[in-house]
């Protein structure tokens, strides 16, 4: 995670955003709208007001968690496509504890609810990691299947045991489990559901950087991700690290519930994530596993997501999905091109 690599990643992302906006302008022109006017409206409605900024940051928060989850697994050479299932289990566990333990004070109930989400996601990620470690079955297949199982399991538990009649959500959590919103605590971002769970996300970014870059287990994880055979030859316990990495990855995804359940709706609702786990894969890929760049990319996608809502009366919101896809493709393409040019110029100089 040196400065040269970071600069290359930022340059590739910047170029991809510019090209994506140009391609998006073509699509907007095809439907008879002024691209400049549409883009100006997106900026004014998102970054031009406290409410808009709050909405962007609120939508970016779960992407920080899922981006970190996928990135941590990537560092270990594992492709975790199961963040969607892991966040579902984690969010449900968060809500379950938060509405079941109503007698506890906030100082205990909030941390316990957050930990329940981490444990729920870690267990779900750990199952896929254990299958990988013990049987050699590929984590991509394991995590995809676990996504479906998570959705079905939570749907059964909710409908059979915990739902409020006539709804698809659990009972409301205890008021003592609620995480404060910025508008009620600091009087900023008025009306937006942006809440203190982002502080947990930022802390996780710092922790991931420290673990991967500054600790012995982080060194082993990077070694395994770089070359599994060499790591095994160096007496690194590959099976143990696979399980640990997938559990940490799942635990990070399980934290999504702090934003939605504890900080926003105050209950678990089926389908609340809207593909956040899958979008986390794109966040991790574009950021090249850099936990601090993940913050920026998450905010960018949060801006696009909320921007799609504000222009929906004039332009189909599917345009945002197209832009996200183009940005992902362009970021991958240009990061590779910049990397090749960098290596070429380096070889010429030497």
Foldseek 3Di string as FASTA:
>chain_A
DDPVLQVLLVVLLVVLLVVLLVVLQVVCVVVPDHSVVLVVLLCCQQVVFLQNVLQLLLQLQLLLLLLLLQLLCLLLQAGQLQLLLLQLQLLQQLLCQQAPPQPDALVPSQVVSLVSLLQRQLVLLLVLLLCCLPVVPHSVVSRVVSNVVSLVVLQCCQVPPADDPPAQWGPFGHPSNAFDACCVPVVTSPPRLRTDLSVVSVVVLVVSCCQLPPDPLNVLSNVNSVPVVVSVVVVNSSSVNSSVSSSNSRSSSSSSSCSPCRRHPRIDGRPPCVCSNNVSNLLNQSSVSNSVSSSVVSSVLSSLQVSLVSCCVPDPSCSSVSSSVSSSVSSVVSSVVSVVVVVVVVVVVD
